Amino acid sequence: MNIRQLIDEEISKLEEDELAQLYEIVKNFSRPKTNNSLFSKLKQVKIEGPVDFAANVDLYLNGEKKIDGD
């Protein structure tokens, strides 16, 4: 017996209300997996700033340099 047959056999033993619960579990399990790692989220961060922001971030953070428009 393969795994699908074993699963089908167990499912056939369930009551109707249990099938609804199982359906929700299976639906969530079969959803495409998303990569929720910290690095995948950081890749989505967009920062607008002056062209020298990366090189002088410390100066902007402590107020020695100002971003135009402030």
PDB file of N, CA and C in Angstrom:
ATOM      1  N   MET A   1       0.843  -1.176   0.000  1.00  0.00           N
ATOM      2  CA  MET A   1       0.000   0.000   0.000  1.00  0.00           C
ATOM      3  C   MET A   1       0.890   1.242   0.000  1.00  0.00           C
ATOM      4  N   ASN A   2       0.547   2.213  -0.862  1.00  0.00           N
ATOM      5  CA  ASN A   2       1.342   3.433  -0.867  1.00  0.00           C
ATOM      6  C   ASN A   2       0.761   4.457   0.117  1.00  0.00           C
ATOM      7  N   ILE A   3       1.459   5.541   0.290  1.00  0.00           N
ATOM      8  CA  ILE A   3       1.071   6.553   1.274  1.00  0.00           C
ATOM      9  C   ILE A   3      -0.317   7.130   0.971  1.00  0.00           C
ATOM     10  N   ARG A   4      -0.602   7.426  -0.284  1.00  0.00           N
ATOM     11  CA  ARG A   4      -1.907   7.998  -0.643  1.00  0.00           C
ATOM     12  C   ARG A   4      -3.035   7.045  -0.253  1.00  0.00           C
ATOM     13  N   GLN A   5      -2.835   5.775  -0.477  1.00  0.00           N
ATOM     14  CA  GLN A   5      -3.857   4.789  -0.110  1.00  0.00           C
ATOM     15  C   GLN A   5      -4.044   4.728   1.402  1.00  0.00           C
ATOM     16  N   LEU A   6      -2.949   4.801   2.137  1.00  0.00           N
ATOM     17  CA  LEU A   6      -3.034   4.804   3.596  1.00  0.00           C
ATOM     18  C   LEU A   6      -3.789   6.038   4.096  1.00  0.00           C
ATOM     19  N   ILE A   7      -3.504   7.176   3.489  1.00  0.00           N
ATOM     20  CA  ILE A   7      -4.197   8.408   3.871  1.00  0.00           C
ATOM     21  C   ILE A   7      -5.684   8.294   3.551  1.00  0.00           C
ATOM     22  N   ASP A   8      -5.988   7.820   2.339  1.00  0.00           N
ATOM     23  CA  ASP A   8      -7.395   7.645   1.949  1.00  0.00           C
ATOM     24  C   ASP A   8      -8.135   6.713   2.907  1.00  0.00           C
ATOM     25  N   GLU A   9      -7.461   5.671   3.321  1.00  0.00           N
ATOM     26  CA  GLU A   9      -8.075   4.710   4.249  1.00  0.00           C
ATOM     27  C   GLU A   9      -8.413   5.378   5.582  1.00  0.00           C
ATOM     28  N   GLU A  10      -7.496   6.162   6.088  1.00  0.00           N
ATOM     29  CA  GLU A  10      -7.737   6.858   7.356  1.00  0.00           C
ATOM     30  C   GLU A  10      -8.830   7.917   7.199  1.00  0.00           C
ATOM     31  N   ILE A  11      -8.829   8.622   6.070  1.00  0.00           N
ATOM     32  CA  ILE A  11      -9.844   9.654   5.832  1.00  0.00           C
ATOM     33  C   ILE A  11     -11.234   9.031   5.782  1.00  0.00           C
ATOM     34  N   SER A  12     -11.330   7.860   5.226  1.00  0.00           N
ATOM     35  CA  SER A  12     -12.647   7.206   5.119  1.00  0.00           C
ATOM     36  C   SER A  12     -13.252   6.893   6.486  1.00  0.00           C
ATOM     37  N   LYS A  13     -12.453   6.912   7.524  1.00  0.00           N
ATOM     38  CA  LYS A  13     -12.933   6.637   8.879  1.00  0.00           C
ATOM     39  C   LYS A  13     -13.445   7.887   9.597  1.00  0.00           C
ATOM     40  N   LEU A  14     -13.245   9.049   9.007  1.00  0.00           N
ATOM     41  CA  LEU A  14     -13.584  10.304   9.680  1.00  0.00           C
ATOM     42  C   LEU A  14     -15.060  10.655   9.531  1.00  0.00           C
ATOM     43  N   GLU A  15     -15.561  11.376  10.533  1.00  0.00           N
ATOM     44  CA  GLU A  15     -16.916  11.927  10.497  1.00  0.00           C
ATOM     45  C   GLU A  15     -16.894  13.206   9.653  1.00  0.00           C
ATOM     46  N   GLU A  16     -18.071  13.658   9.238  1.00  0.00           N
ATOM     47  CA  GLU A  16     -18.175  14.830   8.353  1.00  0.00           C
ATOM     48  C   GLU A  16     -17.553  16.083   8.966  1.00  0.00           C
ATOM     49  N   ASP A  17     -17.800  16.341  10.254  1.00  0.00           N
ATOM     50  CA  ASP A  17     -17.233  17.539  10.884  1.00  0.00           C
ATOM     51  C   ASP A  17     -15.707  17.451  10.973  1.00  0.00           C
ATOM     52  N   GLU A  18     -15.193  16.260  11.122  1.00  0.00           N
ATOM     53  CA  GLU A  18     -13.743  16.079  11.145  1.00  0.00           C
ATOM     54  C   GLU A  18     -13.147  16.303   9.758  1.00  0.00           C
ATOM     55  N   LEU A  19     -13.903  15.981   8.729  1.00  0.00           N
ATOM     56  CA  LEU A  19     -13.433  16.205   7.359  1.00  0.00           C
ATOM     57  C   LEU A  19     -13.242  17.692   7.082  1.00  0.00           C
ATOM     58  N   ALA A  20     -14.135  18.524   7.596  1.00  0.00           N
ATOM     59  CA  ALA A  20     -14.008  19.966   7.406  1.00  0.00           C
ATOM     60  C   ALA A  20     -12.735  20.487   8.059  1.00  0.00           C
ATOM     61  N   GLN A  21     -12.446  19.993   9.240  1.00  0.00           N
ATOM     62  CA  GLN A  21     -11.213  20.398   9.932  1.00  0.00           C
ATOM     63  C   GLN A  21      -9.990  19.922   9.160  1.00  0.00           C
ATOM     64  N   LEU A  22     -10.051  18.687   8.699  1.00  0.00           N
ATOM     65  CA  LEU A  22      -8.929  18.130   7.945  1.00  0.00           C
ATOM     66  C   LEU A  22      -8.719  18.894   6.643  1.00  0.00           C
ATOM     67  N   TYR A  23      -9.817  19.277   5.999  1.00  0.00           N
ATOM     68  CA  TYR A  23      -9.718  20.034   4.755  1.00  0.00           C
ATOM     69  C   TYR A  23      -8.940  21.330   4.973  1.00  0.00           C
ATOM     70  N   GLU A  24      -9.226  22.043   6.052  1.00  0.00           N
ATOM     71  CA  GLU A  24      -8.510  23.292   6.340  1.00  0.00           C
ATOM     72  C   GLU A  24      -7.019  23.039   6.532  1.00  0.00           C
ATOM     73  N   ILE A  25      -6.694  21.974   7.218  1.00  0.00           N
ATOM     74  CA  ILE A  25      -5.284  21.625   7.445  1.00  0.00           C
ATOM     75  C   ILE A  25      -4.605  21.312   6.117  1.00  0.00           C
ATOM     76  N   VAL A  26      -5.248  20.501   5.294  1.00  0.00           N
ATOM     77  CA  VAL A  26      -4.665  20.111   4.008  1.00  0.00           C
ATOM     78  C   VAL A  26      -4.534  21.330   3.098  1.00  0.00           C
ATOM     79  N   LYS A  27      -5.554  22.196   3.097  1.00  0.00           N
ATOM     80  CA  LYS A  27      -5.513  23.399   2.270  1.00  0.00           C
ATOM     81  C   LYS A  27      -4.330  24.279   2.662  1.00  0.00           C
ATOM     82  N   ASN A  28      -4.123  24.475   3.954  1.00  0.00           N
ATOM     83  CA  ASN A  28      -2.993  25.286   4.418  1.00  0.00           C
ATOM     84  C   ASN A  28      -1.663  24.618   4.107  1.00  0.00           C
ATOM     85  N   PHE A  29      -1.628  23.307   4.225  1.00  0.00           N
ATOM     86  CA  PHE A  29      -0.398  22.568   3.977  1.00  0.00           C
ATOM     87  C   PHE A  29      -0.002  22.620   2.506  1.00  0.00           C
ATOM     88  N   SER A  30      -0.981  22.606   1.625  1.00  0.00           N
ATOM     89  CA  SER A  30      -0.685  22.535   0.195  1.00  0.00           C
ATOM     90  C   SER A  30      -0.469  23.898  -0.450  1.00  0.00           C
ATOM     91  N   ARG A  31      -0.644  24.974   0.314  1.00  0.00           N
ATOM     92  CA  ARG A  31      -0.383  26.313  -0.208  1.00  0.00           C
ATOM     93  C   ARG A  31       1.071  26.439  -0.608  1.00  0.00           C
ATOM     94  N   PRO A  32       1.338  27.232  -1.650  1.00  0.00           N
ATOM     95  CA  PRO A  32       2.741  27.458  -2.012  1.00  0.00           C
ATOM     96  C   PRO A  32       3.497  28.048  -0.822  1.00  0.00           C
ATOM     97  N   LYS A  33       4.659  27.543  -0.595  1.00  0.00           N
ATOM     98  CA  LYS A  33       5.471  28.001   0.530  1.00  0.00           C
ATOM     99  C   LYS A  33       6.121  29.334   0.171  1.00  0.00           C
ATOM    100  N   THR A  34       6.058  30.263   1.098  1.00  0.00           N
ATOM    101  CA  THR A  34       6.726  31.540   0.906  1.00  0.00           C
ATOM    102  C   THR A  34       7.963  31.576   1.782  1.00  0.00           C
ATOM    103  N   ASN A  35       8.925  32.277   1.320  1.00  0.00           N
ATOM    104  CA  ASN A  35      10.165  32.398   2.069  1.00  0.00           C
ATOM    105  C   ASN A  35      10.029  33.592   3.006  1.00  0.00           C
ATOM    106  N   ASN A  36       9.831  33.336   4.279  1.00  0.00           N
ATOM    107  CA  ASN A  36       9.636  34.402   5.258  1.00  0.00           C
ATOM    108  C   ASN A  36      10.876  34.656   6.089  1.00  0.00           C
ATOM    109  N   SER A  37      12.041  34.344   5.531  1.00  0.00           N
ATOM    110  CA  SER A  37      13.258  34.557   6.293  1.00  0.00           C
ATOM    111  C   SER A  37      13.537  36.058   6.426  1.00  0.00           C
ATOM    112  N   LEU A  38      14.356  36.392   7.372  1.00  0.00           N
ATOM    113  CA  LEU A  38      14.729  37.780   7.590  1.00  0.00           C
ATOM    114  C   LEU A  38      15.351  38.372   6.332  1.00  0.00           C
ATOM    115  N   PHE A  39      16.230  37.622   5.673  1.00  0.00           N
ATOM    116  CA  PHE A  39      16.907  38.152   4.497  1.00  0.00           C
ATOM    117  C   PHE A  39      15.947  38.372   3.333  1.00  0.00           C
ATOM    118  N   SER A  40      14.957  37.507   3.172  1.00  0.00           N
ATOM    119  CA  SER A  40      13.992  37.720   2.092  1.00  0.00           C
ATOM    120  C   SER A  40      13.152  38.964   2.367  1.00  0.00           C
ATOM    121  N   LYS A  41      12.860  39.233   3.633  1.00  0.00           N
ATOM    122  CA  LYS A  41      12.109  40.445   3.980  1.00  0.00           C
ATOM    123  C   LYS A  41      12.982  41.689   3.808  1.00  0.00           C
ATOM    124  N   LEU A  42      14.257  41.575   4.167  1.00  0.00           N
ATOM    125  CA  LEU A  42      15.156  42.722   4.020  1.00  0.00           C
ATOM    126  C   LEU A  42      15.352  43.096   2.553  1.00  0.00           C
ATOM    127  N   LYS A  43      15.308  42.114   1.665  1.00  0.00           N
ATOM    128  CA  LYS A  43      15.444  42.398   0.230  1.00  0.00           C
ATOM    129  C   LYS A  43      14.310  43.275  -0.272  1.00  0.00           C
ATOM    130  N   GLN A  44      13.186  43.267   0.414  1.00  0.00           N
ATOM    131  CA  GLN A  44      12.021  44.040  -0.005  1.00  0.00           C
ATOM    132  C   GLN A  44      12.060  45.481   0.493  1.00  0.00           C
ATOM    133  N   VAL A  45      12.978  45.800   1.387  1.00  0.00           N
ATOM    134  CA  VAL A  45      13.066  47.145   1.947  1.00  0.00           C
ATOM    135  C   VAL A  45      13.634  48.092   0.899  1.00  0.00           C
ATOM    136  N   LYS A  46      12.952  49.182   0.706  1.00  0.00           N
ATOM    137  CA  LYS A  46      13.401  50.211  -0.235  1.00  0.00           C
ATOM    138  C   LYS A  46      13.664  51.485   0.551  1.00  0.00           C
ATOM    139  N   ILE A  47      14.837  52.065   0.347  1.00  0.00           N
ATOM    140  CA  ILE A  47      15.212  53.291   1.050  1.00  0.00           C
ATOM    141  C   ILE A  47      15.534  54.360   0.016  1.00  0.00           C
ATOM    142  N   GLU A  48      14.934  55.519   0.193  1.00  0.00           N
ATOM    143  CA  GLU A  48      15.260  56.662  -0.651  1.00  0.00           C
ATOM    144  C   GLU A  48      16.113  57.606   0.179  1.00  0.00           C
ATOM    145  N   GLY A  49      17.186  58.085  -0.411  1.00  0.00           N
ATOM    146  CA  GLY A  49      18.051  59.000   0.301  1.00  0.00           C
ATOM    147  C   GLY A  49      19.050  59.625  -0.647  1.00  0.00           C
ATOM    148  N   PRO A  50      19.901  60.464  -0.122  1.00  0.00           N
ATOM    149  CA  PRO A  50      20.913  61.104  -0.957  1.00  0.00           C
ATOM    150  C   PRO A  50      21.889  60.065  -1.517  1.00  0.00           C
ATOM    151  N   VAL A  51      22.575  60.428  -2.589  1.00  0.00           N
ATOM    152  CA  VAL A  51      23.474  59.481  -3.254  1.00  0.00           C
ATOM    153  C   VAL A  51      24.613  59.022  -2.350  1.00  0.00           C
ATOM    154  N   ASP A  52      24.983  59.813  -1.360  1.00  0.00           N
ATOM    155  CA  ASP A  52      26.077  59.422  -0.463  1.00  0.00           C
ATOM    156  C   ASP A  52      25.576  58.803   0.851  1.00  0.00           C
ATOM    157  N   PHE A  53      24.316  58.440   0.881  1.00  0.00           N
ATOM    158  CA  PHE A  53      23.714  57.935   2.127  1.00  0.00           C
ATOM    159  C   PHE A  53      24.438  56.695   2.647  1.00  0.00           C
ATOM    160  N   ALA A  54      24.717  55.733   1.791  1.00  0.00           N
ATOM    161  CA  ALA A  54      25.357  54.492   2.242  1.00  0.00           C
ATOM    162  C   ALA A  54      26.743  54.761   2.818  1.00  0.00           C
ATOM    163  N   ALA A  55      27.482  55.645   2.175  1.00  0.00           N
ATOM    164  CA  ALA A  55      28.844  55.941   2.636  1.00  0.00           C
ATOM    165  C   ALA A  55      28.846  56.777   3.908  1.00  0.00           C
ATOM    166  N   ASN A  56      27.811  57.572   4.128  1.00  0.00           N
ATOM    167  CA  ASN A  56      27.783  58.505   5.257  1.00  0.00           C
ATOM    168  C   ASN A  56      26.601  58.279   6.192  1.00  0.00           C
ATOM    169  N   VAL A  57      26.089  57.055   6.250  1.00  0.00           N
ATOM    170  CA  VAL A  57      24.901  56.786   7.054  1.00  0.00           C
ATOM    171  C   VAL A  57      25.084  57.229   8.507  1.00  0.00           C
ATOM    172  N   ASP A  58      26.267  57.030   9.052  1.00  0.00           N
ATOM    173  CA  ASP A  58      26.508  57.428  10.442  1.00  0.00           C
ATOM    174  C   ASP A  58      26.369  58.937  10.623  1.00  0.00           C
ATOM    175  N   LEU A  59      26.825  59.721   9.639  1.00  0.00           N
ATOM    176  CA  LEU A  59      26.715  61.184   9.733  1.00  0.00           C
ATOM    177  C   LEU A  59      25.257  61.634   9.647  1.00  0.00           C
ATOM    178  N   TYR A  60      24.466  60.957   8.810  1.00  0.00           N
ATOM    179  CA  TYR A  60      23.045  61.287   8.716  1.00  0.00           C
ATOM    180  C   TYR A  60      22.304  60.888   9.991  1.00  0.00           C
ATOM    181  N   LEU A  61      22.662  59.747  10.563  1.00  0.00           N
ATOM    182  CA  LEU A  61      21.974  59.274  11.764  1.00  0.00           C
ATOM    183  C   LEU A  61      22.251  60.151  12.982  1.00  0.00           C
ATOM    184  N   ASN A  62      23.497  60.666  13.101  1.00  0.00           N
ATOM    185  CA  ASN A  62      23.781  61.487  14.280  1.00  0.00           C
ATOM    186  C   ASN A  62      23.557  62.976  14.033  1.00  0.00           C
ATOM    187  N   GLY A  63      23.091  63.330  12.812  1.00  0.00           N
ATOM    188  CA  GLY A  63      22.700  64.711  12.543  1.00  0.00           C
ATOM    189  C   GLY A  63      23.790  65.609  12.004  1.00  0.00           C
ATOM    190  N   GLU A  64      25.012  65.090  11.811  1.00  0.00           N
ATOM    191  CA  GLU A  64      26.073  65.925  11.262  1.00  0.00           C
ATOM    192  C   GLU A  64      25.773  66.326   9.812  1.00  0.00           C
ATOM    193  N   LYS A  65      25.087  65.450   9.084  1.00  0.00           N
ATOM    194  CA  LYS A  65      24.654  65.773   7.718  1.00  0.00           C
ATOM    195  C   LYS A  65      23.138  65.749   7.708  1.00  0.00           C
ATOM    196  N   LYS A  66      22.548  66.630   6.900  1.00  0.00           N
ATOM    197  CA  LYS A  66      21.085  66.722   6.795  1.00  0.00           C
ATOM    198  C   LYS A  66      20.670  66.307   5.389  1.00  0.00           C
ATOM    199  N   ILE A  67      19.504  65.667   5.314  1.00  0.00           N
ATOM    200  CA  ILE A  67      18.917  65.322   4.039  1.00  0.00           C
ATOM    201  C   ILE A  67      18.129  66.521   3.557  1.00  0.00           C
ATOM    202  N   ASP A  68      18.345  66.927   2.295  1.00  0.00           N
ATOM    203  CA  ASP A  68      17.621  68.073   1.735  1.00  0.00           C
ATOM    204  C   ASP A  68      16.121  67.877   1.897  1.00  0.00           C
ATOM    205  N   GLY A  69      15.432  68.929   2.260  1.00  0.00           N
ATOM    206  CA  GLY A  69      13.988  68.855   2.446  1.00  0.00           C
ATOM    207  C   GLY A  69      13.603  68.791   3.912  1.00  0.00           C
ATOM    208  N   ASP A  70      14.567  68.641   4.820  1.00  0.00           N
ATOM    209  CA  ASP A  70      14.266  68.613   6.259  1.00  0.00           C
ATOM    210  C   ASP A  70      14.332  69.984   6.851  1.00  0.00           C
TER     211      ASP A  70
END
